[in-house]
Every structure is written in C-alpha cells, then in structure tokens.
Amino acid sequence: EDFTAKDFRTWAGTVLAAAALQDFEAVDSESRAKKNVVQAIEAVAGVLGNTKAVCRKSYIHPAVLDAYIDGTMAGTLWKRVEKAKRRATGLRAEEVAVLNLLQARLTKESRRKKAA
C-alpha cells in the first residue's frame, strides 16, 4: 500500500494523544475533559513540532478525542492494551489498542447510520 510520511505522523500523533489522555485521572465534567484534551494536544504538538491547531486538525484522529470527551475511552484503552499484548501483530500493544478503539467507533457509527 502507499503510505506517506503524513500517514505515519498521523498514526504517531493519534497514539500519543490516546496515551496522554489515558494518563489523566478520571474526570466528572465535560469542561475538565476538554481541558485535558487541550493539554494532550499541546503535548503531541510538542513531540511532532507543530502548532496545536495543526496537530489537532491534521495529526490526531478525532475519534480518539471524541471517545475521551464522551467517556467511552475511560478505562477501556488499557484493557485493550492488555488484550493486545497477547497478540503478535507487529504493532506495539498501545497501537493495537488505539486501532481497536478506532475500529469499534467506526462499527458503532456505521450501525447508527444504518438504523437511521
């Protein structure tokens, strides 16, 4: 398949953002969750050497940020990491967990569209 450097940067940014968000303590308000998202984006932007706006728009998959804000990421990503450690995929466990998260969100969205 044809992959570009941007594809790899986007994957790296997405995985880094998911890991940064998992490091925060559980939140009970959307405003706190959004502040944590901003901090995670700042951290990823620093690693990738981009502005926060470019990083959010181009290098972090929005489903990861949405999953954090709506609370569906809480506690599940690292459970997926533990499950992923048992698989031999050529990816790091954190990458498999993010891939599973994105696939689950895509499946959920597809089912919702079919039901509508």
PDB file of N, CA and C in Angstrom:
ATOM      1  N   GLU A   1       0.828  -1.175   0.000  1.00  0.00           N
ATOM      2  CA  GLU A   1       0.000   0.000   0.000  1.00  0.00           C
ATOM      3  C   GLU A   1       0.876   1.242   0.000  1.00  0.00           C
ATOM      4  N   ASP A   2       0.319   2.318  -0.470  1.00  0.00           N
ATOM      5  CA  ASP A   2       1.044   3.586  -0.496  1.00  0.00           C
ATOM      6  C   ASP A   2       0.779   4.369   0.785  1.00  0.00           C
ATOM      7  N   PHE A   3       1.816   4.551   1.564  1.00  0.00           N
ATOM      8  CA  PHE A   3       1.725   5.342   2.778  1.00  0.00           C
ATOM      9  C   PHE A   3       2.680   6.504   2.646  1.00  0.00           C
ATOM     10  N   THR A   4       2.286   7.634   3.200  1.00  0.00           N
ATOM     11  CA  THR A   4       3.138   8.814   3.168  1.00  0.00           C
ATOM     12  C   THR A   4       3.679   9.076   4.565  1.00  0.00           C
ATOM     13  N   ALA A   5       4.625   9.984   4.642  1.00  0.00           N
ATOM     14  CA  ALA A   5       5.162  10.385   5.939  1.00  0.00           C
ATOM     15  C   ALA A   5       4.046  10.964   6.805  1.00  0.00           C
ATOM     16  N   LYS A   6       3.109  11.667   6.182  1.00  0.00           N
ATOM     17  CA  LYS A   6       1.984  12.235   6.930  1.00  0.00           C
ATOM     18  C   LYS A   6       1.138  11.134   7.563  1.00  0.00           C
ATOM     19  N   ASP A   7       0.954  10.026   6.861  1.00  0.00           N
ATOM     20  CA  ASP A   7       0.200   8.903   7.429  1.00  0.00           C
ATOM     21  C   ASP A   7       0.868   8.405   8.713  1.00  0.00           C
ATOM     22  N   PHE A   8       2.181   8.278   8.689  1.00  0.00           N
ATOM     23  CA  PHE A   8       2.897   7.808   9.870  1.00  0.00           C
ATOM     24  C   PHE A   8       2.859   8.841  10.993  1.00  0.00           C
ATOM     25  N   ARG A   9       2.960  10.125  10.635  1.00  0.00           N
ATOM     26  CA  ARG A   9       2.871  11.186  11.648  1.00  0.00           C
ATOM     27  C   ARG A   9       1.475  11.216  12.267  1.00  0.00           C
ATOM     28  N   THR A  10       0.457  11.012  11.444  1.00  0.00           N
ATOM     29  CA  THR A  10      -0.914  10.991  11.953  1.00  0.00           C
ATOM     30  C   THR A  10      -1.105   9.805  12.898  1.00  0.00           C
ATOM     31  N   TRP A  11      -0.605   8.659  12.520  1.00  0.00           N
ATOM     32  CA  TRP A  11      -0.707   7.491  13.389  1.00  0.00           C
ATOM     33  C   TRP A  11       0.019   7.756  14.708  1.00  0.00           C
ATOM     34  N   ALA A  12       1.236   8.282  14.633  1.00  0.00           N
ATOM     35  CA  ALA A  12       2.008   8.573  15.841  1.00  0.00           C
ATOM     36  C   ALA A  12       1.284   9.599  16.708  1.00  0.00           C
ATOM     37  N   GLY A  13       0.760  10.643  16.098  1.00  0.00           N
ATOM     38  CA  GLY A  13       0.036  11.674  16.849  1.00  0.00           C
ATOM     39  C   GLY A  13      -1.197  11.116  17.526  1.00  0.00           C
ATOM     40  N   THR A  14      -1.907  10.241  16.841  1.00  0.00           N
ATOM     41  CA  THR A  14      -3.112   9.635  17.391  1.00  0.00           C
ATOM     42  C   THR A  14      -2.773   8.744  18.586  1.00  0.00           C
ATOM     43  N   VAL A  15      -1.755   7.922  18.451  1.00  0.00           N
ATOM     44  CA  VAL A  15      -1.352   7.028  19.546  1.00  0.00           C
ATOM     45  C   VAL A  15      -0.842   7.852  20.728  1.00  0.00           C
ATOM     46  N   LEU A  16      -0.038   8.871  20.453  1.00  0.00           N
ATOM     47  CA  LEU A  16       0.467   9.723  21.532  1.00  0.00           C
ATOM     48  C   LEU A  16      -0.678  10.432  22.260  1.00  0.00           C
ATOM     49  N   ALA A  17      -1.662  10.913  21.522  1.00  0.00           N
ATOM     50  CA  ALA A  17      -2.797  11.594  22.143  1.00  0.00           C
ATOM     51  C   ALA A  17      -3.584  10.636  23.025  1.00  0.00           C
ATOM     52  N   ALA A  18      -3.820   9.432  22.540  1.00  0.00           N
ATOM     53  CA  ALA A  18      -4.559   8.442  23.331  1.00  0.00           C
ATOM     54  C   ALA A  18      -3.805   8.121  24.622  1.00  0.00           C
ATOM     55  N   ALA A  19      -2.513   7.949  24.518  1.00  0.00           N
ATOM     56  CA  ALA A  19      -1.711   7.650  25.707  1.00  0.00           C
ATOM     57  C   ALA A  19      -1.736   8.817  26.687  1.00  0.00           C
ATOM     58  N   ALA A  20      -1.622  10.039  26.181  1.00  0.00           N
ATOM     59  CA  ALA A  20      -1.652  11.221  27.048  1.00  0.00           C
ATOM     60  C   ALA A  20      -2.997  11.338  27.753  1.00  0.00           C
ATOM     61  N   LEU A  21      -4.074  11.082  27.035  1.00  0.00           N
ATOM     62  CA  LEU A  21      -5.409  11.179  27.637  1.00  0.00           C
ATOM     63  C   LEU A  21      -5.627  10.098  28.687  1.00  0.00           C
ATOM     64  N   GLN A  22      -5.087   8.911  28.466  1.00  0.00           N
ATOM     65  CA  GLN A  22      -5.231   7.837  29.443  1.00  0.00           C
ATOM     66  C   GLN A  22      -4.469   8.140  30.728  1.00  0.00           C
ATOM     67  N   ASP A  23      -3.450   8.996  30.651  1.00  0.00           N
ATOM     68  CA  ASP A  23      -2.663   9.331  31.836  1.00  0.00           C
ATOM     69  C   ASP A  23      -3.401  10.255  32.797  1.00  0.00           C
ATOM     70  N   PHE A  24      -4.436  10.947  32.321  1.00  0.00           N
ATOM     71  CA  PHE A  24      -5.196  11.833  33.193  1.00  0.00           C
ATOM     72  C   PHE A  24      -6.098  11.026  34.118  1.00  0.00           C
ATOM     73  N   GLU A  25      -6.343  11.572  35.307  1.00  0.00           N
ATOM     74  CA  GLU A  25      -7.286  10.941  36.218  1.00  0.00           C
ATOM     75  C   GLU A  25      -8.686  11.063  35.629  1.00  0.00           C
ATOM     76  N   ALA A  26      -9.579  10.214  36.077  1.00  0.00           N
ATOM     77  CA  ALA A  26     -10.964  10.263  35.611  1.00  0.00           C
ATOM     78  C   ALA A  26     -11.556  11.638  35.912  1.00  0.00           C
ATOM     79  N   VAL A  27     -12.356  12.135  34.984  1.00  0.00           N
ATOM     80  CA  VAL A  27     -12.994  13.441  35.156  1.00  0.00           C
ATOM     81  C   VAL A  27     -14.502  13.265  35.224  1.00  0.00           C
ATOM     82  N   ASP A  28     -15.140  14.225  35.870  1.00  0.00           N
ATOM     83  CA  ASP A  28     -16.589  14.138  36.005  1.00  0.00           C
ATOM     84  C   ASP A  28     -17.314  15.295  35.326  1.00  0.00           C
ATOM     85  N   SER A  29     -16.570  16.075  34.547  1.00  0.00           N
ATOM     86  CA  SER A  29     -17.217  17.171  33.830  1.00  0.00           C
ATOM     87  C   SER A  29     -16.655  17.284  32.422  1.00  0.00           C
ATOM     88  N   GLU A  30     -17.503  17.717  31.519  1.00  0.00           N
ATOM     89  CA  GLU A  30     -17.069  17.875  30.129  1.00  0.00           C
ATOM     90  C   GLU A  30     -16.034  18.986  30.016  1.00  0.00           C
ATOM     91  N   SER A  31     -16.171  20.036  30.830  1.00  0.00           N
ATOM     92  CA  SER A  31     -15.205  21.136  30.749  1.00  0.00           C
ATOM     93  C   SER A  31     -13.807  20.666  31.161  1.00  0.00           C
ATOM     94  N   ARG A  32     -13.714  19.814  32.194  1.00  0.00           N
ATOM     95  CA  ARG A  32     -12.410  19.283  32.603  1.00  0.00           C
ATOM     96  C   ARG A  32     -11.860  18.358  31.523  1.00  0.00           C
ATOM     97  N   ALA A  33     -12.731  17.564  30.919  1.00  0.00           N
ATOM     98  CA  ALA A  33     -12.302  16.671  29.841  1.00  0.00           C
ATOM     99  C   ALA A  33     -11.734  17.482  28.682  1.00  0.00           C
ATOM    100  N   LYS A  34     -12.399  18.583  28.341  1.00  0.00           N
ATOM    101  CA  LYS A  34     -11.915  19.424  27.234  1.00  0.00           C
ATOM    102  C   LYS A  34     -10.571  20.060  27.571  1.00  0.00           C
ATOM    103  N   LYS A  35     -10.380  20.441  28.825  1.00  0.00           N
ATOM    104  CA  LYS A  35      -9.081  20.997  29.234  1.00  0.00           C
ATOM    105  C   LYS A  35      -7.985  19.936  29.103  1.00  0.00           C
ATOM    106  N   ASN A  36      -8.322  18.704  29.469  1.00  0.00           N
ATOM    107  CA  ASN A  36      -7.350  17.620  29.325  1.00  0.00           C
ATOM    108  C   ASN A  36      -7.025  17.362  27.857  1.00  0.00           C
ATOM    109  N   VAL A  37      -8.021  17.464  26.990  1.00  0.00           N
ATOM    110  CA  VAL A  37      -7.797  17.297  25.551  1.00  0.00           C
ATOM    111  C   VAL A  37      -6.813  18.358  25.062  1.00  0.00           C
ATOM    112  N   VAL A  38      -7.007  19.596  25.506  1.00  0.00           N
ATOM    113  CA  VAL A  38      -6.096  20.680  25.105  1.00  0.00           C
ATOM    114  C   VAL A  38      -4.677  20.367  25.563  1.00  0.00           C
ATOM    115  N   GLN A  39      -4.527  19.885  26.798  1.00  0.00           N
ATOM    116  CA  GLN A  39      -3.189  19.538  27.304  1.00  0.00           C
ATOM    117  C   GLN A  39      -2.569  18.395  26.504  1.00  0.00           C
ATOM    118  N   ALA A  40      -3.374  17.409  26.157  1.00  0.00           N
ATOM    119  CA  ALA A  40      -2.862  16.286  25.365  1.00  0.00           C
ATOM    120  C   ALA A  40      -2.417  16.769  23.987  1.00  0.00           C
ATOM    121  N   ILE A  41      -3.211  17.627  23.378  1.00  0.00           N
ATOM    122  CA  ILE A  41      -2.849  18.169  22.063  1.00  0.00           C
ATOM    123  C   ILE A  41      -1.554  18.965  22.152  1.00  0.00           C
ATOM    124  N   GLU A  42      -1.403  19.747  23.217  1.00  0.00           N
ATOM    125  CA  GLU A  42      -0.159  20.509  23.407  1.00  0.00           C
ATOM    126  C   GLU A  42       1.039  19.567  23.503  1.00  0.00           C
ATOM    127  N   ALA A  43       0.878  18.474  24.232  1.00  0.00           N
ATOM    128  CA  ALA A  43       1.976  17.511  24.375  1.00  0.00           C
ATOM    129  C   ALA A  43       2.335  16.884  23.032  1.00  0.00           C
ATOM    130  N   VAL A  44       1.329  16.487  22.264  1.00  0.00           N
ATOM    131  CA  VAL A  44       1.571  15.875  20.957  1.00  0.00           C
ATOM    132  C   VAL A  44       2.196  16.887  20.007  1.00  0.00           C
ATOM    133  N   ALA A  45       1.698  18.116  20.041  1.00  0.00           N
ATOM    134  CA  ALA A  45       2.254  19.168  19.179  1.00  0.00           C
ATOM    135  C   ALA A  45       3.735  19.383  19.478  1.00  0.00           C
ATOM    136  N   GLY A  46       4.089  19.314  20.750  1.00  0.00           N
ATOM    137  CA  GLY A  46       5.493  19.460  21.128  1.00  0.00           C
ATOM    138  C   GLY A  46       6.367  18.350  20.567  1.00  0.00           C
ATOM    139  N   VAL A  47       5.865  17.135  20.601  1.00  0.00           N
ATOM    140  CA  VAL A  47       6.628  15.997  20.075  1.00  0.00           C
ATOM    141  C   VAL A  47       6.753  16.077  18.563  1.00  0.00           C
ATOM    142  N   LEU A  48       5.642  16.426  17.896  1.00  0.00           N
ATOM    143  CA  LEU A  48       5.653  16.457  16.435  1.00  0.00           C
ATOM    144  C   LEU A  48       6.220  17.758  15.868  1.00  0.00           C
ATOM    145  N   GLY A  49       6.376  18.771  16.705  1.00  0.00           N
ATOM    146  CA  GLY A  49       6.925  20.043  16.237  1.00  0.00           C
ATOM    147  C   GLY A  49       5.948  20.854  15.408  1.00  0.00           C
ATOM    148  N   ASN A  50       4.669  20.788  15.765  1.00  0.00           N
ATOM    149  CA  ASN A  50       3.637  21.555  15.071  1.00  0.00           C
ATOM    150  C   ASN A  50       2.911  22.452  16.056  1.00  0.00           C
ATOM    151  N   THR A  51       2.099  23.349  15.511  1.00  0.00           N
ATOM    152  CA  THR A  51       1.236  24.144  16.377  1.00  0.00           C
ATOM    153  C   THR A  51       0.108  23.249  16.875  1.00  0.00           C
ATOM    154  N   LYS A  52      -0.559  23.694  17.935  1.00  0.00           N
ATOM    155  CA  LYS A  52      -1.683  22.926  18.470  1.00  0.00           C
ATOM    156  C   LYS A  52      -2.784  22.781  17.429  1.00  0.00           C
ATOM    157  N   ALA A  53      -3.063  23.856  16.706  1.00  0.00           N
ATOM    158  CA  ALA A  53      -4.148  23.818  15.711  1.00  0.00           C
ATOM    159  C   ALA A  53      -3.850  22.824  14.593  1.00  0.00           C
ATOM    160  N   VAL A  54      -2.634  22.855  14.079  1.00  0.00           N
ATOM    161  CA  VAL A  54      -2.250  21.923  13.009  1.00  0.00           C
ATOM    162  C   VAL A  54      -2.261  20.497  13.540  1.00  0.00           C
ATOM    163  N   CYS A  55      -1.766  20.322  14.744  1.00  0.00           N
ATOM    164  CA  CYS A  55      -1.717  18.982  15.333  1.00  0.00           C
ATOM    165  C   CYS A  55      -3.123  18.412  15.472  1.00  0.00           C
ATOM    166  N   ARG A  56      -4.041  19.197  16.015  1.00  0.00           N
ATOM    167  CA  ARG A  56      -5.412  18.705  16.217  1.00  0.00           C
ATOM    168  C   ARG A  56      -6.096  18.421  14.889  1.00  0.00           C
ATOM    169  N   LYS A  57      -5.920  19.312  13.942  1.00  0.00           N
ATOM    170  CA  LYS A  57      -6.619  19.178  12.654  1.00  0.00           C
ATOM    171  C   LYS A  57      -6.035  18.071  11.785  1.00  0.00           C
ATOM    172  N   SER A  58      -4.716  17.906  11.823  1.00  0.00           N
ATOM    173  CA  SER A  58      -4.072  17.030  10.849  1.00  0.00           C
ATOM    174  C   SER A  58      -3.419  15.779  11.404  1.00  0.00           C
ATOM    175  N   TYR A  59      -3.143  15.729  12.692  1.00  0.00           N
ATOM    176  CA  TYR A  59      -2.328  14.626  13.192  1.00  0.00           C
ATOM    177  C   TYR A  59      -2.923  13.818  14.346  1.00  0.00           C
ATOM    178  N   ILE A  60      -4.158  14.124  14.740  1.00  0.00           N
ATOM    179  CA  ILE A  60      -4.815  13.321  15.782  1.00  0.00           C
ATOM    180  C   ILE A  60      -6.192  12.938  15.253  1.00  0.00           C
ATOM    181  N   HIS A  61      -6.477  11.641  15.236  1.00  0.00           N
ATOM    182  CA  HIS A  61      -7.788  11.189  14.751  1.00  0.00           C
ATOM    183  C   HIS A  61      -8.860  11.720  15.704  1.00  0.00           C
ATOM    184  N   PRO A  62      -9.883  12.387  15.170  1.00  0.00           N
ATOM    185  CA  PRO A  62     -10.904  12.983  16.037  1.00  0.00           C
ATOM    186  C   PRO A  62     -11.669  11.971  16.890  1.00  0.00           C
ATOM    187  N   ALA A  63     -11.746  10.734  16.469  1.00  0.00           N
ATOM    188  CA  ALA A  63     -12.467   9.724  17.255  1.00  0.00           C
ATOM    189  C   ALA A  63     -11.814   9.500  18.615  1.00  0.00           C
ATOM    190  N   VAL A  64     -10.510   9.645  18.702  1.00  0.00           N
ATOM    191  CA  VAL A  64      -9.822   9.480  19.978  1.00  0.00           C
ATOM    192  C   VAL A  64     -10.227  10.607  20.927  1.00  0.00           C
ATOM    193  N   LEU A  65     -10.257  11.822  20.417  1.00  0.00           N
ATOM    194  CA  LEU A  65     -10.652  12.959  21.255  1.00  0.00           C
ATOM    195  C   LEU A  65     -12.119  12.848  21.649  1.00  0.00           C
ATOM    196  N   ASP A  66     -12.964  12.464  20.702  1.00  0.00           N
ATOM    197  CA  ASP A  66     -14.393  12.292  20.985  1.00  0.00           C
ATOM    198  C   ASP A  66     -14.622  11.209  22.029  1.00  0.00           C
ATOM    199  N   ALA A  67     -13.906  10.098  21.918  1.00  0.00           N
ATOM    200  CA  ALA A  67     -14.058   8.993  22.871  1.00  0.00           C
ATOM    201  C   ALA A  67     -13.658   9.428  24.273  1.00  0.00           C
ATOM    202  N   TYR A  68     -12.653  10.275  24.367  1.00  0.00           N
ATOM    203  CA  TYR A  68     -12.255  10.765  25.685  1.00  0.00           C
ATOM    204  C   TYR A  68     -13.327  11.689  26.255  1.00  0.00           C
ATOM    205  N   ILE A  69     -13.779  12.629  25.450  1.00  0.00           N
ATOM    206  CA  ILE A  69     -14.763  13.608  25.928  1.00  0.00           C
ATOM    207  C   ILE A  69     -16.078  12.942  26.310  1.00  0.00           C
ATOM    208  N   ASP A  70     -16.530  11.966  25.512  1.00  0.00           N
ATOM    209  CA  ASP A  70     -17.820  11.342  25.836  1.00  0.00           C
ATOM    210  C   ASP A  70     -17.691  10.218  26.865  1.00  0.00           C
ATOM    211  N   GLY A  71     -16.468   9.951  27.328  1.00  0.00           N
ATOM    212  CA  GLY A  71     -16.259   8.998  28.403  1.00  0.00           C
ATOM    213  C   GLY A  71     -16.129   7.550  27.975  1.00  0.00           C
ATOM    214  N   THR A  72     -16.213   7.270  26.692  1.00  0.00           N
ATOM    215  CA  THR A  72     -16.130   5.874  26.263  1.00  0.00           C
ATOM    216  C   THR A  72     -14.710   5.336  26.257  1.00  0.00           C
ATOM    217  N   MET A  73     -13.723   6.224  26.319  1.00  0.00           N
ATOM    218  CA  MET A  73     -12.339   5.764  26.358  1.00  0.00           C
ATOM    219  C   MET A  73     -11.943   5.351  27.772  1.00  0.00           C
ATOM    220  N   ALA A  74     -12.559   5.952  28.755  1.00  0.00           N
ATOM    221  CA  ALA A  74     -12.159   5.757  30.151  1.00  0.00           C
ATOM    222  C   ALA A  74     -12.073   4.282  30.524  1.00  0.00           C
ATOM    223  N   GLY A  75     -10.894   3.883  30.907  1.00  0.00           N
ATOM    224  CA  GLY A  75     -10.693   2.528  31.387  1.00  0.00           C
ATOM    225  C   GLY A  75     -10.621   1.451  30.323  1.00  0.00           C
ATOM    226  N   THR A  76     -11.067   1.736  29.108  1.00  0.00           N
ATOM    227  CA  THR A  76     -11.108   0.667  28.112  1.00  0.00           C
ATOM    228  C   THR A  76      -9.831   0.564  27.300  1.00  0.00           C
ATOM    229  N   LEU A  77      -9.151   1.676  27.087  1.00  0.00           N
ATOM    230  CA  LEU A  77      -7.967   1.636  26.231  1.00  0.00           C
ATOM    231  C   LEU A  77      -6.908   0.707  26.808  1.00  0.00           C
ATOM    232  N   TRP A  78      -6.619   0.825  28.102  1.00  0.00           N
ATOM    233  CA  TRP A  78      -5.555  -0.005  28.663  1.00  0.00           C
ATOM    234  C   TRP A  78      -6.001  -1.445  28.825  1.00  0.00           C
ATOM    235  N   LYS A  79      -7.306  -1.692  28.952  1.00  0.00           N
ATOM    236  CA  LYS A  79      -7.783  -3.073  28.925  1.00  0.00           C
ATOM    237  C   LYS A  79      -7.472  -3.673  27.555  1.00  0.00           C
ATOM    238  N   ARG A  80      -7.659  -2.854  26.529  1.00  0.00           N
ATOM    239  CA  ARG A  80      -7.340  -3.311  25.177  1.00  0.00           C
ATOM    240  C   ARG A  80      -5.843  -3.522  25.019  1.00  0.00           C
ATOM    241  N   VAL A  81      -5.049  -2.713  25.711  1.00  0.00           N
ATOM    242  CA  VAL A  81      -3.593  -2.884  25.671  1.00  0.00           C
ATOM    243  C   VAL A  81      -3.236  -4.254  26.239  1.00  0.00           C
ATOM    244  N   GLU A  82      -3.821  -4.592  27.370  1.00  0.00           N
ATOM    245  CA  GLU A  82      -3.518  -5.884  27.981  1.00  0.00           C
ATOM    246  C   GLU A  82      -3.914  -7.028  27.051  1.00  0.00           C
ATOM    247  N   LYS A  83      -5.073  -6.910  26.420  1.00  0.00           N
ATOM    248  CA  LYS A  83      -5.507  -7.922  25.464  1.00  0.00           C
ATOM    249  C   LYS A  83      -4.551  -7.968  24.267  1.00  0.00           C
ATOM    250  N   ALA A  84      -4.148  -6.793  23.815  1.00  0.00           N
ATOM    251  CA  ALA A  84      -3.292  -6.692  22.637  1.00  0.00           C
ATOM    252  C   ALA A  84      -1.915  -7.298  22.878  1.00  0.00           C
ATOM    253  N   LYS A  85      -1.450  -7.267  24.099  1.00  0.00           N
ATOM    254  CA  LYS A  85      -0.130  -7.821  24.411  1.00  0.00           C
ATOM    255  C   LYS A  85      -0.072  -9.312  24.098  1.00  0.00           C
ATOM    256  N   ARG A  86      -1.237  -9.936  24.081  1.00  0.00           N
ATOM    257  CA  ARG A  86      -1.275 -11.373  23.807  1.00  0.00           C
ATOM    258  C   ARG A  86      -1.248 -11.674  22.314  1.00  0.00           C
ATOM    259  N   ARG A  87      -1.369 -10.659  21.488  1.00  0.00           N
ATOM    260  CA  ARG A  87      -1.400 -10.873  20.036  1.00  0.00           C
ATOM    261  C   ARG A  87      -0.049 -10.532  19.427  1.00  0.00           C
ATOM    262  N   ALA A  88       0.277 -11.216  18.354  1.00  0.00           N
ATOM    263  CA  ALA A  88       1.503 -10.904  17.624  1.00  0.00           C
ATOM    264  C   ALA A  88       1.103 -10.237  16.319  1.00  0.00           C
ATOM    265  N   THR A  89       1.134  -8.917  16.290  1.00  0.00           N
ATOM    266  CA  THR A  89       0.690  -8.181  15.109  1.00  0.00           C
ATOM    267  C   THR A  89       1.793  -7.356  14.464  1.00  0.00           C
ATOM    268  N   GLY A  90       2.903  -7.228  15.139  1.00  0.00           N
ATOM    269  CA  GLY A  90       3.948  -6.346  14.638  1.00  0.00           C
ATOM    270  C   GLY A  90       3.775  -4.919  15.132  1.00  0.00           C
ATOM    271  N   LEU A  91       2.687  -4.660  15.845  1.00  0.00           N
ATOM    272  CA  LEU A  91       2.438  -3.342  16.418  1.00  0.00           C
ATOM    273  C   LEU A  91       2.676  -3.398  17.919  1.00  0.00           C
ATOM    274  N   ARG A  92       3.008  -2.249  18.497  1.00  0.00           N
ATOM    275  CA  ARG A  92       3.097  -2.171  19.953  1.00  0.00           C
ATOM    276  C   ARG A  92       1.690  -2.334  20.524  1.00  0.00           C
ATOM    277  N   ALA A  93       1.606  -2.782  21.746  1.00  0.00           N
ATOM    278  CA  ALA A  93       0.307  -3.013  22.385  1.00  0.00           C
ATOM    279  C   ALA A  93      -0.548  -1.753  22.387  1.00  0.00           C
ATOM    280  N   GLU A  94       0.057  -0.591  22.617  1.00  0.00           N
ATOM    281  CA  GLU A  94      -0.687   0.670  22.627  1.00  0.00           C
ATOM    282  C   GLU A  94      -1.286   0.958  21.251  1.00  0.00           C
ATOM    283  N   GLU A  95      -0.543   0.619  20.202  1.00  0.00           N
ATOM    284  CA  GLU A  95      -1.038   0.842  18.851  1.00  0.00           C
ATOM    285  C   GLU A  95      -2.220  -0.065  18.538  1.00  0.00           C
ATOM    286  N   VAL A  96      -2.139  -1.315  18.959  1.00  0.00           N
ATOM    287  CA  VAL A  96      -3.249  -2.240  18.737  1.00  0.00           C
ATOM    288  C   VAL A  96      -4.480  -1.751  19.495  1.00  0.00           C
ATOM    289  N   ALA A  97      -4.292  -1.246  20.704  1.00  0.00           N
ATOM    290  CA  ALA A  97      -5.415  -0.742  21.494  1.00  0.00           C
ATOM    291  C   ALA A  97      -6.086   0.437  20.792  1.00  0.00           C
ATOM    292  N   VAL A  98      -5.293   1.355  20.256  1.00  0.00           N
ATOM    293  CA  VAL A  98      -5.866   2.501  19.539  1.00  0.00           C
ATOM    294  C   VAL A  98      -6.564   2.032  18.268  1.00  0.00           C
ATOM    295  N   LEU A  99      -5.969   1.103  17.560  1.00  0.00           N
ATOM    296  CA  LEU A  99      -6.590   0.555  16.359  1.00  0.00           C
ATOM    297  C   LEU A  99      -7.940  -0.075  16.699  1.00  0.00           C
ATOM    298  N   ASN A 100      -7.995  -0.848  17.777  1.00  0.00           N
ATOM    299  CA  ASN A 100      -9.254  -1.449  18.217  1.00  0.00           C
ATOM    300  C   ASN A 100     -10.283  -0.390  18.587  1.00  0.00           C
ATOM    301  N   LEU A 101      -9.843   0.660  19.264  1.00  0.00           N
ATOM    302  CA  LEU A 101     -10.741   1.755  19.629  1.00  0.00           C
ATOM    303  C   LEU A 101     -11.337   2.395  18.383  1.00  0.00           C
ATOM    304  N   LEU A 102     -10.495   2.691  17.408  1.00  0.00           N
ATOM    305  CA  LEU A 102     -10.971   3.323  16.171  1.00  0.00           C
ATOM    306  C   LEU A 102     -11.912   2.405  15.402  1.00  0.00           C
ATOM    307  N   GLN A 103     -11.587   1.119  15.352  1.00  0.00           N
ATOM    308  CA  GLN A 103     -12.460   0.171  14.653  1.00  0.00           C
ATOM    309  C   GLN A 103     -13.807   0.051  15.353  1.00  0.00           C
ATOM    310  N   ALA A 104     -13.815   0.034  16.671  1.00  0.00           N
ATOM    311  CA  ALA A 104     -15.068  -0.048  17.425  1.00  0.00           C
ATOM    312  C   ALA A 104     -15.922   1.190  17.196  1.00  0.00           C
ATOM    313  N   ARG A 105     -15.299   2.361  17.164  1.00  0.00           N
ATOM    314  CA  ARG A 105     -16.048   3.605  16.910  1.00  0.00           C
ATOM    315  C   ARG A 105     -16.618   3.601  15.500  1.00  0.00           C
ATOM    316  N   LEU A 106     -15.850   3.124  14.538  1.00  0.00           N
ATOM    317  CA  LEU A 106     -16.312   3.063  13.157  1.00  0.00           C
ATOM    318  C   LEU A 106     -17.499   2.114  13.026  1.00  0.00           C
ATOM    319  N   THR A 107     -17.419   0.965  13.662  1.00  0.00           N
ATOM    320  CA  THR A 107     -18.514  -0.005  13.632  1.00  0.00           C
ATOM    321  C   THR A 107     -19.772   0.580  14.271  1.00  0.00           C
ATOM    322  N   LYS A 108     -19.605   1.242  15.405  1.00  0.00           N
ATOM    323  CA  LYS A 108     -20.736   1.858  16.105  1.00  0.00           C
ATOM    324  C   LYS A 108     -21.392   2.930  15.235  1.00  0.00           C
ATOM    325  N   GLU A 109     -20.571   3.752  14.596  1.00  0.00           N
ATOM    326  CA  GLU A 109     -21.087   4.811  13.725  1.00  0.00           C
ATOM    327  C   GLU A 109     -21.811   4.223  12.512  1.00  0.00           C
ATOM    328  N   SER A 110     -21.249   3.168  11.948  1.00  0.00           N
ATOM    329  CA  SER A 110     -21.866   2.509  10.791  1.00  0.00           C
ATOM    330  C   SER A 110     -23.231   1.928  11.156  1.00  0.00           C
ATOM    331  N   ARG A 111     -23.323   1.300  12.305  1.00  0.00           N
ATOM    332  CA  ARG A 111     -24.603   0.725  12.753  1.00  0.00           C
ATOM    333  C   ARG A 111     -25.628   1.819  13.008  1.00  0.00           C
ATOM    334  N   ARG A 112     -25.178   2.921  13.569  1.00  0.00           N
ATOM    335  CA  ARG A 112     -26.086   4.044  13.849  1.00  0.00           C
ATOM    336  C   ARG A 112     -26.631   4.624  12.556  1.00  0.00           C
ATOM    337  N   LYS A 113     -25.796   4.736  11.537  1.00  0.00           N
ATOM    338  CA  LYS A 113     -26.243   5.276  10.256  1.00  0.00           C
ATOM    339  C   LYS A 113     -27.226   4.340   9.576  1.00  0.00           C
ATOM    340  N   LYS A 114     -26.991   3.022   9.691  1.00  0.00           N
ATOM    341  CA  LYS A 114     -27.898   2.052   9.086  1.00  0.00           C
ATOM    342  C   LYS A 114     -29.259   2.075   9.763  1.00  0.00           C
ATOM    343  N   ALA A 115     -29.281   2.306  11.080  1.00  0.00           N
ATOM    344  CA  ALA A 115     -30.528   2.320  11.829  1.00  0.00           C
ATOM    345  C   ALA A 115     -31.341   3.585  11.562  1.00  0.00           C
ATOM    346  N   ALA A 116     -30.677   4.627  11.109  1.00  0.00           N
ATOM    347  CA  ALA A 116     -31.364   5.924  10.888  1.00  0.00           C
ATOM    348  C   ALA A 116     -32.164   5.959   9.610  1.00  0.00           C
TER     349      ALA A 116
END
